[in-house]
Amino acid sequence: MRSTTLALAVAALLAFPVAGQADAISDCNSDQADTVIKGCTLLIKGGKANNDALAIAFFNRGNAFDDNGDHDGAIADYTQMLKLKPDDVQGLYNRGLSYLAKEDYDSALADFAQAVKLQPDLARAIYNMGRAYEGKGDLKQALASYEKAATLAPNNKNVKNKIAEIKQKLGQ
């Protein structure tokens, strides 16, 4: 599951609001992917947004691209967002998910590891590290990640199921 915690009211973050920008802000915060792409693109290209607003616009548009299955577009936007906010856990996590969807497991692992470095109790990133290791065929590392995620989210059924599945594959 992709995190969307940065979907904030961009209006408060714009340096120079101009006529018509309210619609772009509203669109950039929509729950419709195509509308978000349109609105955020207008904000990004408008040249009036400050860095915080740009980061949110890139993040939101990255989420929308990912929702539309455009993982390359999502990765590009999350990367732009992370240039503005390099230690943003949600941006790293979401970009990791996009890499995971593309089966670029090493890049996914790098992003999830950085997110966990910044937020050590981020169970969902650790769980997805397990998915990436599993995708690479490294079942022992996958199991270690799933077990670590289980210590942080002991009631998560997906984690428990993955542990059982990997143990069975490993003959344990």
N, C-alpha and C. Protein backbone atom coordinates (compact mmCIF):
# COMPACT_ATOMS: atom_id res chain seq x y z
N MET A 1 0.84 -1.19 0.00
CA MET A 1 0.00 0.00 0.00
C MET A 1 0.88 1.24 0.00
N ARG A 2 0.59 2.10 -0.90
CA ARG A 2 1.34 3.34 -1.04
C ARG A 2 0.84 4.34 -0.01
N SER A 3 1.74 5.06 0.57
CA SER A 3 1.37 6.07 1.55
C SER A 3 1.14 7.40 0.87
N THR A 4 0.11 8.10 1.33
CA THR A 4 -0.23 9.39 0.72
C THR A 4 -0.30 10.50 1.76
N THR A 5 0.52 10.41 2.78
CA THR A 5 0.43 11.39 3.85
C THR A 5 0.80 12.81 3.44
N LEU A 6 1.44 12.99 2.30
CA LEU A 6 1.79 14.33 1.89
C LEU A 6 0.70 15.02 1.10
N ALA A 7 -0.43 14.37 0.91
CA ALA A 7 -1.51 15.00 0.16
C ALA A 7 -2.14 16.07 1.05
N LEU A 8 -1.48 17.19 1.11
CA LEU A 8 -1.89 18.31 1.95
C LEU A 8 -2.44 19.43 1.09
N ALA A 9 -3.01 20.39 1.75
CA ALA A 9 -3.47 21.57 1.02
C ALA A 9 -2.25 22.35 0.57
N VAL A 10 -1.96 22.29 -0.70
CA VAL A 10 -0.79 22.94 -1.26
C VAL A 10 -0.96 24.46 -1.20
N ALA A 11 -2.16 24.94 -1.09
CA ALA A 11 -2.42 26.38 -1.12
C ALA A 11 -1.59 27.13 -0.10
N ALA A 12 -1.46 26.58 1.08
CA ALA A 12 -0.73 27.27 2.13
C ALA A 12 0.76 27.32 1.85
N LEU A 13 1.23 26.50 0.93
CA LEU A 13 2.66 26.42 0.67
C LEU A 13 3.10 27.19 -0.56
N LEU A 14 2.19 27.76 -1.28
CA LEU A 14 2.56 28.49 -2.49
C LEU A 14 3.09 29.87 -2.13
N ALA A 15 4.16 30.22 -2.79
CA ALA A 15 4.79 31.51 -2.51
C ALA A 15 3.97 32.66 -3.08
N PHE A 16 3.46 32.51 -4.31
CA PHE A 16 2.76 33.58 -4.98
C PHE A 16 1.48 33.06 -5.62
N PRO A 17 0.39 32.90 -4.85
CA PRO A 17 -0.84 32.42 -5.45
C PRO A 17 -1.31 33.38 -6.55
N VAL A 18 -1.75 32.83 -7.65
CA VAL A 18 -2.26 33.63 -8.75
C VAL A 18 -3.61 33.10 -9.17
N ALA A 19 -4.32 33.89 -9.96
CA ALA A 19 -5.63 33.48 -10.44
C ALA A 19 -5.51 32.14 -11.16
N GLY A 20 -6.45 31.25 -10.92
CA GLY A 20 -6.46 29.95 -11.56
C GLY A 20 -5.65 28.90 -10.83
N GLN A 21 -4.80 29.33 -9.90
CA GLN A 21 -3.96 28.37 -9.20
C GLN A 21 -4.77 27.57 -8.18
N ALA A 22 -5.85 28.14 -7.69
CA ALA A 22 -6.69 27.41 -6.73
C ALA A 22 -7.23 26.13 -7.35
N ASP A 23 -7.61 26.18 -8.64
CA ASP A 23 -8.08 24.98 -9.31
C ASP A 23 -6.96 23.95 -9.44
N ALA A 24 -5.77 24.39 -9.76
CA ALA A 24 -4.63 23.48 -9.88
C ALA A 24 -4.32 22.84 -8.54
N ILE A 25 -4.41 23.61 -7.47
CA ILE A 25 -4.17 23.09 -6.12
C ILE A 25 -5.22 22.04 -5.78
N SER A 26 -6.46 22.37 -6.03
CA SER A 26 -7.54 21.42 -5.77
C SER A 26 -7.35 20.15 -6.59
N ASP A 27 -7.02 20.30 -7.86
CA ASP A 27 -6.81 19.14 -8.73
C ASP A 27 -5.62 18.32 -8.25
N CYS A 28 -4.56 18.97 -7.81
CA CYS A 28 -3.36 18.27 -7.36
C CYS A 28 -3.63 17.44 -6.10
N ASN A 29 -4.68 17.79 -5.39
CA ASN A 29 -5.04 17.07 -4.17
C ASN A 29 -6.29 16.20 -4.36
N SER A 30 -6.68 15.98 -5.59
CA SER A 30 -7.86 15.18 -5.91
C SER A 30 -7.63 13.71 -5.59
N ASP A 31 -8.70 12.95 -5.61
CA ASP A 31 -8.56 11.50 -5.46
C ASP A 31 -8.65 10.78 -6.81
N GLN A 32 -8.65 11.55 -7.89
CA GLN A 32 -8.68 11.00 -9.25
C GLN A 32 -7.30 11.17 -9.88
N ALA A 33 -6.66 10.07 -10.25
CA ALA A 33 -5.27 10.11 -10.71
C ALA A 33 -5.06 11.08 -11.87
N ASP A 34 -5.91 11.03 -12.88
CA ASP A 34 -5.70 11.90 -14.03
C ASP A 34 -5.85 13.37 -13.66
N THR A 35 -6.76 13.66 -12.75
CA THR A 35 -6.95 15.04 -12.29
C THR A 35 -5.73 15.51 -11.50
N VAL A 36 -5.18 14.62 -10.67
CA VAL A 36 -3.98 14.95 -9.90
C VAL A 36 -2.82 15.26 -10.84
N ILE A 37 -2.64 14.42 -11.86
CA ILE A 37 -1.54 14.63 -12.80
C ILE A 37 -1.67 15.99 -13.46
N LYS A 38 -2.88 16.31 -13.90
CA LYS A 38 -3.12 17.61 -14.54
C LYS A 38 -2.84 18.77 -13.60
N GLY A 39 -3.41 18.72 -12.40
CA GLY A 39 -3.25 19.82 -11.45
C GLY A 39 -1.82 19.98 -10.97
N CYS A 40 -1.18 18.88 -10.64
CA CYS A 40 0.19 18.97 -10.14
C CYS A 40 1.15 19.43 -11.25
N THR A 41 0.90 18.98 -12.47
CA THR A 41 1.73 19.43 -13.58
C THR A 41 1.63 20.94 -13.75
N LEU A 42 0.42 21.48 -13.63
CA LEU A 42 0.25 22.94 -13.72
C LEU A 42 1.02 23.66 -12.62
N LEU A 43 0.97 23.11 -11.41
CA LEU A 43 1.70 23.73 -10.29
C LEU A 43 3.21 23.64 -10.51
N ILE A 44 3.69 22.49 -10.96
CA ILE A 44 5.12 22.30 -11.16
C ILE A 44 5.63 23.22 -12.27
N LYS A 45 4.90 23.31 -13.35
CA LYS A 45 5.33 24.12 -14.48
C LYS A 45 5.05 25.61 -14.29
N GLY A 46 4.20 25.94 -13.32
CA GLY A 46 3.80 27.33 -13.13
C GLY A 46 4.90 28.24 -12.62
N GLY A 47 5.90 27.68 -11.97
CA GLY A 47 7.02 28.47 -11.50
C GLY A 47 6.74 29.35 -10.30
N LYS A 48 5.59 29.21 -9.68
CA LYS A 48 5.23 30.07 -8.55
C LYS A 48 5.27 29.33 -7.21
N ALA A 49 5.43 28.03 -7.25
CA ALA A 49 5.39 27.24 -6.02
C ALA A 49 6.75 27.25 -5.34
N ASN A 50 6.73 27.29 -4.01
CA ASN A 50 7.97 27.19 -3.26
C ASN A 50 8.40 25.72 -3.20
N ASN A 51 9.56 25.45 -2.62
CA ASN A 51 10.09 24.08 -2.61
C ASN A 51 9.19 23.10 -1.89
N ASP A 52 8.56 23.52 -0.80
CA ASP A 52 7.67 22.61 -0.07
C ASP A 52 6.47 22.24 -0.94
N ALA A 53 5.91 23.22 -1.62
CA ALA A 53 4.76 22.96 -2.49
C ALA A 53 5.17 22.10 -3.67
N LEU A 54 6.34 22.34 -4.22
CA LEU A 54 6.83 21.52 -5.33
C LEU A 54 7.03 20.07 -4.88
N ALA A 55 7.58 19.89 -3.70
CA ALA A 55 7.79 18.54 -3.18
C ALA A 55 6.45 17.80 -3.08
N ILE A 56 5.45 18.47 -2.57
CA ILE A 56 4.13 17.85 -2.44
C ILE A 56 3.53 17.57 -3.81
N ALA A 57 3.69 18.50 -4.73
CA ALA A 57 3.16 18.29 -6.08
C ALA A 57 3.84 17.10 -6.77
N PHE A 58 5.16 17.00 -6.64
CA PHE A 58 5.86 15.84 -7.23
C PHE A 58 5.42 14.54 -6.56
N PHE A 59 5.26 14.58 -5.22
CA PHE A 59 4.82 13.40 -4.48
C PHE A 59 3.42 12.97 -4.94
N ASN A 60 2.50 13.92 -4.94
CA ASN A 60 1.12 13.59 -5.34
C ASN A 60 1.07 13.08 -6.78
N ARG A 61 1.80 13.74 -7.67
CA ARG A 61 1.79 13.30 -9.06
C ARG A 61 2.46 11.93 -9.20
N GLY A 62 3.50 11.69 -8.42
CA GLY A 62 4.12 10.36 -8.40
C GLY A 62 3.13 9.29 -7.99
N ASN A 63 2.34 9.58 -6.96
CA ASN A 63 1.30 8.64 -6.54
C ASN A 63 0.30 8.39 -7.66
N ALA A 64 -0.09 9.45 -8.34
CA ALA A 64 -1.07 9.32 -9.42
C ALA A 64 -0.49 8.52 -10.59
N PHE A 65 0.76 8.80 -10.94
CA PHE A 65 1.40 8.01 -12.00
C PHE A 65 1.42 6.53 -11.61
N ASP A 66 1.77 6.26 -10.37
CA ASP A 66 1.82 4.88 -9.91
C ASP A 66 0.43 4.24 -9.96
N ASP A 67 -0.59 5.00 -9.55
CA ASP A 67 -1.97 4.50 -9.62
C ASP A 67 -2.35 4.13 -11.04
N ASN A 68 -1.82 4.87 -12.02
CA ASN A 68 -2.10 4.61 -13.43
C ASN A 68 -1.18 3.55 -14.03
N GLY A 69 -0.30 2.97 -13.21
CA GLY A 69 0.61 1.94 -13.69
C GLY A 69 1.86 2.47 -14.35
N ASP A 70 2.08 3.78 -14.29
CA ASP A 70 3.27 4.39 -14.88
C ASP A 70 4.35 4.48 -13.79
N HIS A 71 5.01 3.35 -13.56
CA HIS A 71 6.00 3.30 -12.48
C HIS A 71 7.22 4.15 -12.79
N ASP A 72 7.59 4.24 -14.07
CA ASP A 72 8.73 5.10 -14.43
C ASP A 72 8.42 6.56 -14.14
N GLY A 73 7.21 7.00 -14.49
CA GLY A 73 6.80 8.37 -14.18
C GLY A 73 6.77 8.61 -12.68
N ALA A 74 6.28 7.62 -11.93
CA ALA A 74 6.23 7.74 -10.48
C ALA A 74 7.64 7.86 -9.91
N ILE A 75 8.54 7.00 -10.36
CA ILE A 75 9.92 7.03 -9.86
C ILE A 75 10.56 8.38 -10.17
N ALA A 76 10.35 8.89 -11.37
CA ALA A 76 10.92 10.18 -11.74
C ALA A 76 10.41 11.28 -10.82
N ASP A 77 9.10 11.27 -10.52
CA ASP A 77 8.55 12.31 -9.65
C ASP A 77 8.99 12.15 -8.20
N TYR A 78 9.02 10.92 -7.70
CA TYR A 78 9.51 10.72 -6.34
C TYR A 78 10.98 11.15 -6.23
N THR A 79 11.74 10.91 -7.29
CA THR A 79 13.15 11.33 -7.29
C THR A 79 13.25 12.85 -7.24
N GLN A 80 12.42 13.54 -8.01
CA GLN A 80 12.42 15.01 -7.96
C GLN A 80 12.01 15.49 -6.57
N MET A 81 11.02 14.85 -6.00
CA MET A 81 10.57 15.21 -4.65
C MET A 81 11.70 15.01 -3.65
N LEU A 82 12.43 13.90 -3.79
CA LEU A 82 13.50 13.60 -2.85
C LEU A 82 14.70 14.53 -3.02
N LYS A 83 14.85 15.14 -4.19
CA LYS A 83 15.89 16.16 -4.35
C LYS A 83 15.57 17.38 -3.49
N LEU A 84 14.28 17.63 -3.32
CA LEU A 84 13.84 18.76 -2.49
C LEU A 84 13.79 18.41 -1.02
N LYS A 85 13.49 17.15 -0.73
CA LYS A 85 13.37 16.67 0.66
C LYS A 85 14.04 15.30 0.75
N PRO A 86 15.36 15.26 0.83
CA PRO A 86 16.09 14.00 0.73
C PRO A 86 15.79 12.98 1.82
N ASP A 87 15.35 13.43 2.96
CA ASP A 87 15.09 12.51 4.07
C ASP A 87 13.61 12.25 4.28
N ASP A 88 12.82 12.38 3.23
CA ASP A 88 11.39 12.15 3.35
C ASP A 88 11.10 10.65 3.29
N VAL A 89 10.68 10.11 4.41
CA VAL A 89 10.45 8.67 4.53
C VAL A 89 9.36 8.20 3.57
N GLN A 90 8.28 8.96 3.45
CA GLN A 90 7.18 8.54 2.58
C GLN A 90 7.60 8.53 1.11
N GLY A 91 8.39 9.51 0.71
CA GLY A 91 8.88 9.54 -0.66
C GLY A 91 9.79 8.36 -0.96
N LEU A 92 10.68 8.05 -0.03
CA LEU A 92 11.55 6.88 -0.19
C LEU A 92 10.74 5.60 -0.24
N TYR A 93 9.79 5.48 0.67
CA TYR A 93 8.96 4.28 0.73
C TYR A 93 8.17 4.10 -0.57
N ASN A 94 7.51 5.15 -1.01
CA ASN A 94 6.70 5.05 -2.22
C ASN A 94 7.55 4.76 -3.45
N ARG A 95 8.72 5.40 -3.53
CA ARG A 95 9.59 5.11 -4.67
C ARG A 95 10.05 3.65 -4.61
N GLY A 96 10.31 3.16 -3.41
CA GLY A 96 10.66 1.75 -3.24
C GLY A 96 9.55 0.84 -3.75
N LEU A 97 8.30 1.20 -3.48
CA LEU A 97 7.18 0.41 -3.98
C LEU A 97 7.12 0.42 -5.50
N SER A 98 7.41 1.57 -6.09
CA SER A 98 7.42 1.65 -7.55
C SER A 98 8.53 0.79 -8.14
N TYR A 99 9.70 0.83 -7.53
CA TYR A 99 10.79 -0.03 -7.99
C TYR A 99 10.40 -1.51 -7.82
N LEU A 100 9.77 -1.82 -6.71
CA LEU A 100 9.34 -3.20 -6.47
C LEU A 100 8.36 -3.65 -7.55
N ALA A 101 7.43 -2.77 -7.93
CA ALA A 101 6.47 -3.10 -8.98
C ALA A 101 7.17 -3.35 -10.31
N LYS A 102 8.29 -2.70 -10.54
CA LYS A 102 9.07 -2.89 -11.78
C LYS A 102 10.04 -4.07 -11.67
N GLU A 103 10.06 -4.70 -10.52
CA GLU A 103 10.98 -5.81 -10.23
C GLU A 103 12.44 -5.36 -10.26
N ASP A 104 12.67 -4.10 -9.92
CA ASP A 104 14.01 -3.57 -9.73
C ASP A 104 14.29 -3.69 -8.23
N TYR A 105 14.63 -4.91 -7.85
CA TYR A 105 14.70 -5.24 -6.43
C TYR A 105 15.83 -4.53 -5.70
N ASP A 106 16.97 -4.35 -6.34
CA ASP A 106 18.08 -3.67 -5.67
C ASP A 106 17.74 -2.21 -5.37
N SER A 107 17.11 -1.53 -6.32
CA SER A 107 16.72 -0.14 -6.07
C SER A 107 15.64 -0.07 -5.00
N ALA A 108 14.71 -1.01 -5.02
CA ALA A 108 13.66 -1.05 -3.99
C ALA A 108 14.30 -1.25 -2.62
N LEU A 109 15.22 -2.19 -2.53
CA LEU A 109 15.89 -2.45 -1.25
C LEU A 109 16.62 -1.21 -0.75
N ALA A 110 17.29 -0.50 -1.65
CA ALA A 110 18.01 0.70 -1.24
C ALA A 110 17.06 1.74 -0.65
N ASP A 111 15.92 1.94 -1.30
CA ASP A 111 14.96 2.93 -0.79
C ASP A 111 14.34 2.49 0.52
N PHE A 112 13.94 1.22 0.61
CA PHE A 112 13.35 0.74 1.86
C PHE A 112 14.37 0.80 3.00
N ALA A 113 15.62 0.44 2.72
CA ALA A 113 16.66 0.49 3.75
C ALA A 113 16.89 1.92 4.24
N GLN A 114 16.88 2.88 3.32
CA GLN A 114 17.05 4.28 3.72
C GLN A 114 15.84 4.75 4.55
N ALA A 115 14.65 4.34 4.15
CA ALA A 115 13.46 4.70 4.92
C ALA A 115 13.53 4.13 6.34
N VAL A 116 13.99 2.89 6.45
CA VAL A 116 14.11 2.25 7.76
C VAL A 116 15.22 2.90 8.58
N LYS A 117 16.27 3.32 7.92
CA LYS A 117 17.34 4.03 8.63
C LYS A 117 16.78 5.30 9.27
N LEU A 118 15.91 5.99 8.54
CA LEU A 118 15.32 7.22 9.05
C LEU A 118 14.20 6.97 10.06
N GLN A 119 13.50 5.84 9.88
CA GLN A 119 12.39 5.49 10.77
C GLN A 119 12.46 3.99 11.06
N PRO A 120 13.25 3.60 12.06
CA PRO A 120 13.54 2.19 12.30
C PRO A 120 12.33 1.30 12.59
N ASP A 121 11.23 1.87 13.01
CA ASP A 121 10.05 1.06 13.31
C ASP A 121 9.06 0.98 12.15
N LEU A 122 9.50 1.28 10.94
CA LEU A 122 8.63 1.29 9.77
C LEU A 122 8.45 -0.14 9.27
N ALA A 123 7.52 -0.84 9.89
CA ALA A 123 7.30 -2.27 9.61
C ALA A 123 6.97 -2.52 8.15
N ARG A 124 6.19 -1.65 7.53
CA ARG A 124 5.79 -1.89 6.14
C ARG A 124 6.98 -1.83 5.19
N ALA A 125 7.98 -1.00 5.49
CA ALA A 125 9.19 -0.96 4.66
C ALA A 125 10.01 -2.23 4.86
N ILE A 126 10.08 -2.69 6.09
CA ILE A 126 10.82 -3.93 6.38
C ILE A 126 10.12 -5.12 5.72
N TYR A 127 8.81 -5.14 5.78
CA TYR A 127 8.03 -6.18 5.10
C TYR A 127 8.32 -6.16 3.60
N ASN A 128 8.32 -4.98 3.01
CA ASN A 128 8.56 -4.87 1.57
C ASN A 128 10.01 -5.17 1.21
N MET A 129 10.92 -4.99 2.14
CA MET A 129 12.28 -5.47 1.92
C MET A 129 12.24 -6.99 1.76
N GLY A 130 11.43 -7.63 2.57
CA GLY A 130 11.26 -9.08 2.45
C GLY A 130 10.73 -9.46 1.08
N ARG A 131 9.77 -8.71 0.58
CA ARG A 131 9.24 -8.97 -0.76
C ARG A 131 10.32 -8.82 -1.83
N ALA A 132 11.17 -7.80 -1.66
CA ALA A 132 12.25 -7.58 -2.63
C ALA A 132 13.27 -8.72 -2.56
N TYR A 133 13.66 -9.11 -1.36
CA TYR A 133 14.58 -10.24 -1.23
C TYR A 133 13.96 -11.50 -1.83
N GLU A 134 12.69 -11.69 -1.58
CA GLU A 134 12.00 -12.85 -2.14
C GLU A 134 12.02 -12.79 -3.67
N GLY A 135 11.79 -11.63 -4.21
CA GLY A 135 11.84 -11.45 -5.66
C GLY A 135 13.20 -11.77 -6.23
N LYS A 136 14.24 -11.48 -5.46
CA LYS A 136 15.61 -11.79 -5.89
C LYS A 136 15.96 -13.26 -5.69
N GLY A 137 15.08 -13.99 -5.00
CA GLY A 137 15.35 -15.40 -4.73
C GLY A 137 16.15 -15.63 -3.47
N ASP A 138 16.37 -14.61 -2.67
CA ASP A 138 17.12 -14.73 -1.42
C ASP A 138 16.12 -14.96 -0.28
N LEU A 139 15.71 -16.22 -0.15
CA LEU A 139 14.65 -16.55 0.81
C LEU A 139 15.08 -16.39 2.26
N LYS A 140 16.35 -16.61 2.55
CA LYS A 140 16.82 -16.45 3.93
C LYS A 140 16.74 -14.98 4.36
N GLN A 141 17.15 -14.08 3.49
CA GLN A 141 17.04 -12.64 3.81
C GLN A 141 15.58 -12.22 3.85
N ALA A 142 14.77 -12.78 2.95
CA ALA A 142 13.34 -12.47 2.96
C ALA A 142 12.74 -12.86 4.30
N LEU A 143 13.06 -14.08 4.76
CA LEU A 143 12.53 -14.55 6.04
C LEU A 143 12.99 -13.64 7.18
N ALA A 144 14.25 -13.25 7.16
CA ALA A 144 14.76 -12.36 8.22
C ALA A 144 13.99 -11.04 8.22
N SER A 145 13.71 -10.51 7.04
CA SER A 145 12.96 -9.25 6.96
C SER A 145 11.53 -9.44 7.46
N TYR A 146 10.89 -10.50 7.02
CA TYR A 146 9.52 -10.75 7.46
C TYR A 146 9.45 -10.95 8.98
N GLU A 147 10.43 -11.67 9.53
CA GLU A 147 10.43 -11.89 10.98
C GLU A 147 10.66 -10.58 11.73
N LYS A 148 11.52 -9.72 11.19
CA LYS A 148 11.73 -8.41 11.83
C LYS A 148 10.45 -7.59 11.74
N ALA A 149 9.78 -7.63 10.61
CA ALA A 149 8.51 -6.91 10.46
C ALA A 149 7.48 -7.44 11.46
N ALA A 150 7.51 -8.74 11.70
CA ALA A 150 6.56 -9.36 12.64
C ALA A 150 6.78 -8.87 14.06
N THR A 151 8.02 -8.57 14.42
CA THR A 151 8.26 -8.04 15.76
C THR A 151 7.67 -6.65 15.93
N LEU A 152 7.60 -5.91 14.81
CA LEU A 152 7.05 -4.55 14.85
C LEU A 152 5.54 -4.52 14.62
N ALA A 153 5.03 -5.53 13.94
CA ALA A 153 3.59 -5.61 13.63
C ALA A 153 3.12 -7.04 13.90
N PRO A 154 3.10 -7.43 15.18
CA PRO A 154 2.83 -8.84 15.52
C PRO A 154 1.44 -9.35 15.14
N ASN A 155 0.50 -8.48 14.89
CA ASN A 155 -0.85 -8.92 14.54
C ASN A 155 -1.14 -8.86 13.05
N ASN A 156 -0.12 -8.56 12.25
CA ASN A 156 -0.32 -8.45 10.81
C ASN A 156 -0.37 -9.84 10.18
N LYS A 157 -1.52 -10.18 9.63
CA LYS A 157 -1.71 -11.51 9.04
C LYS A 157 -0.86 -11.72 7.79
N ASN A 158 -0.67 -10.67 6.99
CA ASN A 158 0.17 -10.80 5.80
C ASN A 158 1.59 -11.19 6.16
N VAL A 159 2.12 -10.59 7.21
CA VAL A 159 3.48 -10.89 7.66
C VAL A 159 3.54 -12.34 8.13
N LYS A 160 2.58 -12.74 8.94
CA LYS A 160 2.56 -14.11 9.44
C LYS A 160 2.45 -15.12 8.29
N ASN A 161 1.62 -14.83 7.33
CA ASN A 161 1.47 -15.72 6.18
C ASN A 161 2.76 -15.83 5.38
N LYS A 162 3.45 -14.71 5.18
CA LYS A 162 4.71 -14.71 4.44
C LYS A 162 5.77 -15.53 5.17
N ILE A 163 5.82 -15.38 6.49
CA ILE A 163 6.79 -16.16 7.28
C ILE A 163 6.54 -17.65 7.09
N ALA A 164 5.27 -18.05 7.20
CA ALA A 164 4.94 -19.46 7.03
C ALA A 164 5.26 -19.94 5.62
N GLU A 165 4.96 -19.12 4.63
CA GLU A 165 5.21 -19.47 3.22
C GLU A 165 6.71 -19.66 2.97
N ILE A 166 7.51 -18.72 3.47
CA ILE A 166 8.95 -18.80 3.22
C ILE A 166 9.56 -19.97 4.00
N LYS A 167 9.11 -20.18 5.22
CA LYS A 167 9.62 -21.32 5.99
C LYS A 167 9.30 -22.64 5.27
N GLN A 168 8.13 -22.72 4.69
CA GLN A 168 7.78 -23.92 3.95
C GLN A 168 8.71 -24.10 2.74
N LYS A 169 8.96 -23.01 2.01
CA LYS A 169 9.87 -23.06 0.86
C LYS A 169 11.29 -23.47 1.26
N LEU A 170 11.68 -23.03 2.46
CA LEU A 170 13.02 -23.35 2.96
C LEU A 170 13.07 -24.72 3.64
N GLY A 171 11.91 -25.37 3.76
CA GLY A 171 11.86 -26.69 4.40
C GLY A 171 12.01 -26.63 5.91
N GLN A 172 11.57 -25.54 6.50
CA GLN A 172 11.68 -25.39 7.96
C GLN A 172 10.38 -25.70 8.65
